[in-house]
PDB file of N, CA and C in Angstrom:
ATOM      1  N   MET A   1      63.258  35.609-137.593  1.00  0.00           N
ATOM      2  CA  MET A   1      64.432  36.404-137.634  1.00  0.00           C
ATOM      3  C   MET A   1      64.457  37.141-139.013  1.00  0.00           C
ATOM      4  N   LYS A   2      64.636  38.423-138.935  1.00  0.00           N
ATOM      5  CA  LYS A   2      64.743  39.223-140.129  1.00  0.00           C
ATOM      6  C   LYS A   2      66.055  38.938-141.082  1.00  0.00           C
ATOM      7  N   GLN A   3      65.816  38.573-142.386  1.00  0.00           N
ATOM      8  CA  GLN A   3      67.007  38.215-143.352  1.00  0.00           C
ATOM      9  C   GLN A   3      67.669  39.691-143.546  1.00  0.00           C
ATOM     10  N   VAL A   4      68.934  39.581-143.561  1.00  0.00           N
ATOM     11  CA  VAL A   4      69.656  40.769-143.831  1.00  0.00           C
ATOM     12  C   VAL A   4      70.087  40.803-145.396  1.00  0.00           C
ATOM     13  N   LYS A   5      69.707  41.802-146.041  1.00  0.00           N
ATOM     14  CA  LYS A   5      70.225  41.855-147.563  1.00  0.00           C
ATOM     15  C   LYS A   5      71.588  42.470-147.591  1.00  0.00           C
ATOM     16  N   ASN A   6      72.239  41.962-148.453  1.00  0.00           N
ATOM     17  CA  ASN A   6      73.647  42.473-148.867  1.00  0.00           C
ATOM     18  C   ASN A   6      73.416  43.634-149.868  1.00  0.00           C
ATOM     19  N   MET A   7      74.113  44.713-149.621  1.00  0.00           N
ATOM     20  CA  MET A   7      74.135  45.848-150.459  1.00  0.00           C
ATOM     21  C   MET A   7      75.326  45.723-151.495  1.00  0.00           C
ATOM     22  N   ARG A   8      75.034  45.907-152.866  1.00  0.00           N
ATOM     23  CA  ARG A   8      76.152  45.924-153.662  1.00  0.00           C
ATOM     24  C   ARG A   8      76.591  47.462-153.709  1.00  0.00           C
ATOM     25  N   LEU A   9      77.930  47.603-153.975  1.00  0.00           N
ATOM     26  CA  LEU A   9      78.411  48.978-154.012  1.00  0.00           C
ATOM     27  C   LEU A   9      79.271  49.107-155.299  1.00  0.00           C
ATOM     28  N   ASN A  10      79.228  50.227-156.029  1.00  0.00           N
ATOM     29  CA  ASN A  10      79.727  50.549-157.261  1.00  0.00           C
ATOM     30  C   ASN A  10      80.362  51.985-156.966  1.00  0.00           C
ATOM     31  N   ALA A  11      81.780  51.908-156.981  1.00  0.00           N
ATOM     32  CA  ALA A  11      82.450  53.200-156.602  1.00  0.00           C
ATOM     33  C   ALA A  11      83.487  53.537-157.452  1.00  0.00           C
ATOM     34  N   ARG A  12      83.661  54.888-157.904  1.00  0.00           N
ATOM     35  CA  ARG A  12      84.898  55.272-158.772  1.00  0.00           C
ATOM     36  C   ARG A  12      85.853  55.925-158.060  1.00  0.00           C
ATOM     37  N   LEU A  13      87.143  55.456-158.200  1.00  0.00           N
ATOM     38  CA  LEU A  13      88.234  56.000-157.467  1.00  0.00           C
ATOM     39  C   LEU A  13      89.144  56.672-158.437  1.00  0.00           C
ATOM     40  N   ASP A  14      89.774  57.862-158.072  1.00  0.00           N
ATOM     41  CA  ASP A  14      90.719  58.426-158.677  1.00  0.00           C
ATOM     42  C   ASP A  14      92.119  57.597-158.595  1.00  0.00           C
ATOM     43  N   ALA A  15      93.059  58.076-159.222  1.00  0.00           N
ATOM     44  CA  ALA A  15      94.376  57.198-159.275  1.00  0.00           C
ATOM     45  C   ALA A  15      94.872  57.246-157.850  1.00  0.00           C
ATOM     46  N   ILE A  16      94.824  58.307-157.172  1.00  0.00           N
ATOM     47  CA  ILE A  16      95.463  58.152-155.933  1.00  0.00           C
ATOM     48  C   ILE A  16      94.831  57.185-154.920  1.00  0.00           C
ATOM     49  N   HIS A  17      93.500  57.215-154.962  1.00  0.00           N
ATOM     50  CA  HIS A  17      92.665  56.214-154.034  1.00  0.00           C
ATOM     51  C   HIS A  17      92.845  54.845-154.671  1.00  0.00           C
ATOM     52  N   GLU A  18      92.949  54.645-155.956  1.00  0.00           N
ATOM     53  CA  GLU A  18      93.208  53.277-156.440  1.00  0.00           C
ATOM     54  C   GLU A  18      94.537  52.815-155.985  1.00  0.00           C
ATOM     55  N   ALA A  19      95.500  53.573-156.087  1.00  0.00           N
ATOM     56  CA  ALA A  19      96.791  53.160-155.613  1.00  0.00           C
ATOM     57  C   ALA A  19      96.915  52.734-154.145  1.00  0.00           C
ATOM     58  N   GLN A  20      96.199  53.554-153.301  1.00  0.00           N
ATOM     59  CA  GLN A  20      95.965  53.317-151.902  1.00  0.00           C
ATOM     60  C   GLN A  20      95.258  52.009-151.626  1.00  0.00           C
ATOM     61  N   LEU A  21      94.242  51.684-152.367  1.00  0.00           N
ATOM     62  CA  LEU A  21      93.617  50.454-152.207  1.00  0.00           C
ATOM     63  C   LEU A  21      94.410  49.169-152.734  1.00  0.00           C
ATOM     64  N   ILE A  22      95.185  49.478-153.756  1.00  0.00           N
ATOM     65  CA  ILE A  22      95.973  48.319-154.153  1.00  0.00           C
ATOM     66  C   ILE A  22      97.186  48.166-153.130  1.00  0.00           C
ATOM     67  N   LYS A  23      97.630  49.040-152.537  1.00  0.00           N
ATOM     68  CA  LYS A  23      98.695  48.963-151.519  1.00  0.00           C
ATOM     69  C   LYS A  23      98.051  48.230-150.342  1.00  0.00           C
ATOM     70  N   ILE A  24      96.804  48.502-149.982  1.00  0.00           N
ATOM     71  CA  ILE A  24      96.219  47.859-148.760  1.00  0.00           C
ATOM     72  C   ILE A  24      96.048  46.429-149.110  1.00  0.00           C
ATOM     73  N   GLN A  25      95.570  46.101-150.319  1.00  0.00           N
ATOM     74  CA  GLN A  25      95.254  44.747-150.842  1.00  0.00           C
ATOM     75  C   GLN A  25      96.612  43.967-150.656  1.00  0.00           C
ATOM     76  N   GLU A  26      97.770  44.673-151.222  1.00  0.00           N
ATOM     77  CA  GLU A  26      99.053  43.833-151.095  1.00  0.00           C
ATOM     78  C   GLU A  26      99.539  43.629-149.759  1.00  0.00           C
ATOM     79  N   GLN A  27      99.220  44.668-148.811  1.00  0.00           N
ATOM     80  CA  GLN A  27      99.692  44.493-147.502  1.00  0.00           C
ATOM     81  C   GLN A  27      98.917  43.472-146.611  1.00  0.00           C
ATOM     82  N   THR A  28      97.585  43.426-146.894  1.00  0.00           N
ATOM     83  CA  THR A  28      96.725  42.672-146.121  1.00  0.00           C
ATOM     84  C   THR A  28      96.194  41.437-146.797  1.00  0.00           C
ATOM     85  N   HIS A  29      96.268  41.322-147.978  1.00  0.00           N
ATOM     86  CA  HIS A  29      95.736  40.270-148.763  1.00  0.00           C
ATOM     87  C   HIS A  29      94.148  40.044-148.456  1.00  0.00           C
ATOM     88  N   ALA A  30      93.568  41.200-148.125  1.00  0.00           N
ATOM     89  CA  ALA A  30      92.135  41.289-148.064  1.00  0.00           C
ATOM     90  C   ALA A  30      91.416  41.513-149.325  1.00  0.00           C
ATOM     91  N   SER A  31      90.166  41.097-149.653  1.00  0.00           N
ATOM     92  CA  SER A  31      89.343  41.563-150.813  1.00  0.00           C
ATOM     93  C   SER A  31      89.021  42.978-150.747  1.00  0.00           C
ATOM     94  N   VAL A  32      88.647  43.538-151.868  1.00  0.00           N
ATOM     95  CA  VAL A  32      88.000  45.004-151.920  1.00  0.00           C
ATOM     96  C   VAL A  32      86.802  45.126-150.873  1.00  0.00           C
ATOM     97  N   SER A  33      86.038  44.036-151.019  1.00  0.00           N
ATOM     98  CA  SER A  33      84.668  44.102-150.080  1.00  0.00           C
ATOM     99  C   SER A  33      85.289  44.180-148.475  1.00  0.00           C
ATOM    100  N   GLU A  34      86.156  43.354-148.154  1.00  0.00           N
ATOM    101  CA  GLU A  34      86.639  43.289-146.720  1.00  0.00           C
ATOM    102  C   GLU A  34      87.329  44.695-146.438  1.00  0.00           C
ATOM    103  N   ILE A  35      88.068  45.410-147.203  1.00  0.00           N
ATOM    104  CA  ILE A  35      88.674  46.586-146.983  1.00  0.00           C
ATOM    105  C   ILE A  35      87.648  47.580-146.886  1.00  0.00           C
ATOM    106  N   VAL A  36      86.652  47.672-147.867  1.00  0.00           N
ATOM    107  CA  VAL A  36      85.632  48.647-147.739  1.00  0.00           C
ATOM    108  C   VAL A  36      84.713  48.510-146.449  1.00  0.00           C
ATOM    109  N   ARG A  37      84.481  47.196-145.895  1.00  0.00           N
ATOM    110  CA  ARG A  37      83.771  46.978-144.862  1.00  0.00           C
ATOM    111  C   ARG A  37      84.538  47.474-143.379  1.00  0.00           C
ATOM    112  N   ARG A  38      85.909  47.135-143.423  1.00  0.00           N
ATOM    113  CA  ARG A  38      86.716  47.645-142.360  1.00  0.00           C
ATOM    114  C   ARG A  38      86.701  49.309-142.355  1.00  0.00           C
ATOM    115  N   ALA A  39      86.899  49.809-143.580  1.00  0.00           N
ATOM    116  CA  ALA A  39      86.922  51.334-143.527  1.00  0.00           C
ATOM    117  C   ALA A  39      85.609  51.909-143.184  1.00  0.00           C
ATOM    118  N   LEU A  40      84.633  51.252-143.518  1.00  0.00           N
ATOM    119  CA  LEU A  40      83.224  51.783-143.143  1.00  0.00           C
ATOM    120  C   LEU A  40      83.068  51.717-141.639  1.00  0.00           C
ATOM    121  N   GLU A  41      83.436  50.556-140.976  1.00  0.00           N
ATOM    122  CA  GLU A  41      83.371  50.414-139.541  1.00  0.00           C
ATOM    123  C   GLU A  41      84.252  51.376-138.775  1.00  0.00           C
ATOM    124  N   ASP A  42      85.477  51.746-139.337  1.00  0.00           N
ATOM    125  CA  ASP A  42      86.368  52.641-138.700  1.00  0.00           C
ATOM    126  C   ASP A  42      85.682  54.034-138.803  1.00  0.00           C
ATOM    127  N   TYR A  43      85.172  54.499-140.157  1.00  0.00           N
ATOM    128  CA  TYR A  43      84.513  55.763-140.250  1.00  0.00           C
ATOM    129  C   TYR A  43      83.330  55.990-139.398  1.00  0.00           C
ATOM    130  N   TYR A  44      82.472  54.769-139.291  1.00  0.00           N
ATOM    131  CA  TYR A  44      81.310  54.867-138.316  1.00  0.00           C
ATOM    132  C   TYR A  44      81.638  55.159-136.865  1.00  0.00           C
ATOM    133  N   GLN A  45      82.715  54.505-136.559  1.00  0.00           N
ATOM    134  CA  GLN A  45      83.141  54.701-135.084  1.00  0.00           C
ATOM    135  C   GLN A  45      83.594  56.142-134.981  1.00  0.00           C
ATOM    136  N   THR A  46      84.256  56.681-135.807  1.00  0.00           N
ATOM    137  CA  THR A  46      84.689  58.024-135.906  1.00  0.00           C
ATOM    138  C   THR A  46      83.672  59.141-135.841  1.00  0.00           C
ATOM    139  N   VAL A  47      82.516  58.902-136.752  1.00  0.00           N
ATOM    140  CA  VAL A  47      81.497  59.770-136.991  1.00  0.00           C
ATOM    141  C   VAL A  47      80.257  59.639-136.130  1.00  0.00           C
ATOM    142  N   CYS A  48      79.871  58.379-135.943  1.00  0.00           N
ATOM    143  CA  CYS A  48      78.653  58.000-135.323  1.00  0.00           C
ATOM    144  C   CYS A  48      78.714  57.569-133.832  1.00  0.00           C
ATOM    145  N   ALA A  49      79.722  56.706-133.548  1.00  0.00           N
ATOM    146  CA  ALA A  49      79.604  55.979-132.330  1.00  0.00           C
ATOM    147  C   ALA A  49      80.200  56.970-131.109  1.00  0.00           C
ATOM    148  N   HIS A  50      80.959  57.902-131.522  1.00  0.00           N
ATOM    149  CA  HIS A  50      81.489  58.800-130.316  1.00  0.00           C
ATOM    150  C   HIS A  50      80.833  60.227-130.585  1.00  0.00           C
ATOM    151  N   SER A  51      79.844  60.450-130.131  1.00  0.00           N
ATOM    152  CA  SER A  51      79.153  61.721-130.207  1.00  0.00           C
ATOM    153  C   SER A  51      79.950  62.598-129.125  1.00  0.00           C
ATOM    154  N   VAL A  52      80.215  63.808-129.524  1.00  0.00           N
ATOM    155  CA  VAL A  52      80.922  64.590-128.860  1.00  0.00           C
ATOM    156  C   VAL A  52      80.072  65.954-128.412  1.00  0.00           C
ATOM    157  N   SER A  53      80.062  66.268-127.155  1.00  0.00           N
ATOM    158  CA  SER A  53      79.269  67.347-126.743  1.00  0.00           C
ATOM    159  C   SER A  53      79.741  68.628-127.209  1.00  0.00           C
ATOM    160  N   ALA A  54      78.941  69.799-127.348  1.00  0.00           N
ATOM    161  CA  ALA A  54      79.472  71.223-127.719  1.00  0.00           C
ATOM    162  C   ALA A  54      80.618  71.580-126.946  1.00  0.00           C
ATOM    163  N   LYS A  55      80.580  71.268-125.507  1.00  0.00           N
ATOM    164  CA  LYS A  55      81.636  71.712-124.635  1.00  0.00           C
ATOM    165  C   LYS A  55      83.052  70.998-125.017  1.00  0.00           C
ATOM    166  N   ASP A  56      82.891  69.581-125.237  1.00  0.00           N
ATOM    167  CA  ASP A  56      84.013  68.945-125.547  1.00  0.00           C
ATOM    168  C   ASP A  56      84.667  69.342-127.028  1.00  0.00           C
ATOM    169  N   ALA A  57      83.718  69.821-127.864  1.00  0.00           N
ATOM    170  CA  ALA A  57      84.142  70.162-129.249  1.00  0.00           C
ATOM    171  C   ALA A  57      84.934  71.469-129.005  1.00  0.00           C
ATOM    172  N   LEU A  58      84.349  72.433-128.289  1.00  0.00           N
ATOM    173  CA  LEU A  58      85.167  73.672-128.075  1.00  0.00           C
ATOM    174  C   LEU A  58      86.440  73.473-127.367  1.00  0.00           C
ATOM    175  N   TYR A  59      86.531  72.530-126.458  1.00  0.00           N
ATOM    176  CA  TYR A  59      87.840  72.306-125.837  1.00  0.00           C
ATOM    177  C   TYR A  59      88.804  71.676-126.786  1.00  0.00           C
ATOM    178  N   VAL A  60      88.398  70.801-127.564  1.00  0.00           N
ATOM    179  CA  VAL A  60      89.271  70.142-128.710  1.00  0.00           C
ATOM    180  C   VAL A  60      89.667  71.110-129.793  1.00  0.00           C
ATOM    181  N   SER A  61      88.899  72.082-130.051  1.00  0.00           N
ATOM    182  CA  SER A  61      89.220  72.964-131.039  1.00  0.00           C
ATOM    183  C   SER A  61      90.193  74.134-130.685  1.00  0.00           C
ATOM    184  N   GLY A  62      90.376  74.145-129.258  1.00  0.00           N
ATOM    185  CA  GLY A  62      91.356  75.118-128.732  1.00  0.00           C
ATOM    186  C   GLY A  62      90.619  76.465-128.477  1.00  0.00           C
ATOM    187  N   PHE A  63      89.324  76.588-128.717  1.00  0.00           N
ATOM    188  CA  PHE A  63      88.634  77.757-128.386  1.00  0.00           C
ATOM    189  C   PHE A  63      88.474  78.195-126.934  1.00  0.00           C
ATOM    190  N   VAL A  64      88.135  77.185-126.143  1.00  0.00           N
ATOM    191  CA  VAL A  64      88.192  77.388-124.708  1.00  0.00           C
ATOM    192  C   VAL A  64      89.717  77.674-124.371  1.00  0.00           C
ATOM    193  N   GLY A  65      89.780  78.692-123.571  1.00  0.00           N
ATOM    194  CA  GLY A  65      91.060  79.073-122.903  1.00  0.00           C
ATOM    195  C   GLY A  65      91.983  79.869-124.035  1.00  0.00           C
ATOM    196  N   CYS A  66      91.536  80.458-125.012  1.00  0.00           N
ATOM    197  CA  CYS A  66      92.321  80.861-125.966  1.00  0.00           C
ATOM    198  C   CYS A  66      92.567  82.483-125.802  1.00  0.00           C
ATOM    199  N   ALA A  67      91.865  82.966-124.748  1.00  0.00           N
ATOM    200  CA  ALA A  67      92.082  84.344-124.385  1.00  0.00           C
ATOM    201  C   ALA A  67      92.551  84.458-123.020  1.00  0.00           C
ATOM    202  N   VAL A  68      93.237  85.632-122.732  1.00  0.00           N
ATOM    203  CA  VAL A  68      93.701  85.928-121.402  1.00  0.00           C
ATOM    204  C   VAL A  68      92.921  87.026-120.844  1.00  0.00           C
ATOM    205  N   SER A  69      92.508  86.861-119.595  1.00  0.00           N
ATOM    206  CA  SER A  69      91.777  87.893-118.792  1.00  0.00           C
ATOM    207  C   SER A  69      91.753  87.783-117.314  1.00  0.00           C
ATOM    208  N   ASP A  70      91.221  88.453-116.609  1.00  0.00           N
ATOM    209  CA  ASP A  70      91.111  88.379-115.140  1.00  0.00           C
ATOM    210  C   ASP A  70      90.360  87.152-114.807  1.00  0.00           C
ATOM    211  N   PRO A  71      90.935  86.432-113.799  1.00  0.00           N
ATOM    212  CA  PRO A  71      90.413  85.060-113.437  1.00  0.00           C
ATOM    213  C   PRO A  71      88.945  85.406-112.848  1.00  0.00           C
ATOM    214  N   ASP A  72      88.492  86.480-112.462  1.00  0.00           N
ATOM    215  CA  ASP A  72      87.120  86.815-111.894  1.00  0.00           C
ATOM    216  C   ASP A  72      86.269  87.431-113.058  1.00  0.00           C
ATOM    217  N   LEU A  73      86.631  87.217-114.282  1.00  0.00           N
ATOM    218  CA  LEU A  73      85.913  87.896-115.426  1.00  0.00           C
ATOM    219  C   LEU A  73      84.394  87.517-115.455  1.00  0.00           C
ATOM    220  N   SER A  74      84.008  86.274-114.952  1.00  0.00           N
ATOM    221  CA  SER A  74      82.649  85.791-115.119  1.00  0.00           C
ATOM    222  C   SER A  74      81.813  86.657-114.059  1.00  0.00           C
ATOM    223  N   THR A  75      82.487  87.128-112.919  1.00  0.00           N
ATOM    224  CA  THR A  75      81.616  87.915-112.353  1.00  0.00           C
ATOM    225  C   THR A  75      81.606  89.445-112.254  1.00  0.00           C
ATOM    226  N   THR A  76      82.710  89.827-112.908  1.00  0.00           N
ATOM    227  CA  THR A  76      82.918  91.313-113.109  1.00  0.00           C
ATOM    228  C   THR A  76      82.864  91.889-114.400  1.00  0.00           C
ATOM    229  N   TYR A  77      82.461  91.006-115.417  1.00  0.00           N
ATOM    230  CA  TYR A  77      82.532  91.392-116.895  1.00  0.00           C
ATOM    231  C   TYR A  77      81.598  92.639-117.119  1.00  0.00           C
ATOM    232  N   LYS A  78      80.446  92.906-116.335  1.00  0.00           N
ATOM    233  CA  LYS A  78      79.524  94.036-116.635  1.00  0.00           C
ATOM    234  C   LYS A  78      80.288  95.332-116.250  1.00  0.00           C
ATOM    235  N   SER A  79      80.964  95.341-115.081  1.00  0.00           N
ATOM    236  CA  SER A  79      81.734  96.585-114.654  1.00  0.00           C
ATOM    237  C   SER A  79      82.803  96.811-115.452  1.00  0.00           C
ATOM    238  N   GLN A  80      83.506  95.695-116.062  1.00  0.00           N
ATOM    239  CA  GLN A  80      84.525  95.946-117.004  1.00  0.00           C
ATOM    240  C   GLN A  80      84.210  96.490-118.302  1.00  0.00           C
ATOM    241  N   LEU A  81      83.072  96.019-118.756  1.00  0.00           N
ATOM    242  CA  LEU A  81      82.591  96.620-120.050  1.00  0.00           C
ATOM    243  C   LEU A  81      82.309  97.981-119.970  1.00  0.00           C
ATOM    244  N   VAL A  82      81.587  98.461-118.807  1.00  0.00           N
ATOM    245  CA  VAL A  82      81.353  99.859-118.603  1.00  0.00           C
ATOM    246  C   VAL A  82      82.550 100.684-118.546  1.00  0.00           C
ATOM    247  N   ASN A  83      83.672 100.090-117.913  1.00  0.00           N
ATOM    248  CA  ASN A  83      84.884 100.945-117.736  1.00  0.00           C
ATOM    249  C   ASN A  83      85.757 101.195-118.952  1.00  0.00           C
ATOM    250  N   LYS A  84      85.314 100.273-119.951  1.00  0.00           N
ATOM    251  CA  LYS A  84      86.314 100.462-121.245  1.00  0.00           C
ATOM    252  C   LYS A  84      85.798 101.228-122.317  1.00  0.00           C
TER     253      LYS A  84
END
């Protein structure tokens, strides 16, 4: 079995993020290490675990369906371009 090494992390926080970290510690009584682990797990789920297709990204962005046109535009677009 492969032994897992622990990574040490040294991070600088501005005053706002420091205050947020302190508030989380006060509310959860968790160590900084535990808070960072949980934050990384949440961020990983957001970024890596849920890959989004291009189609889904366009739907979520509101791009799909943002214009109004004839319902049959996909079959008549060439004639409509010539007529305009």
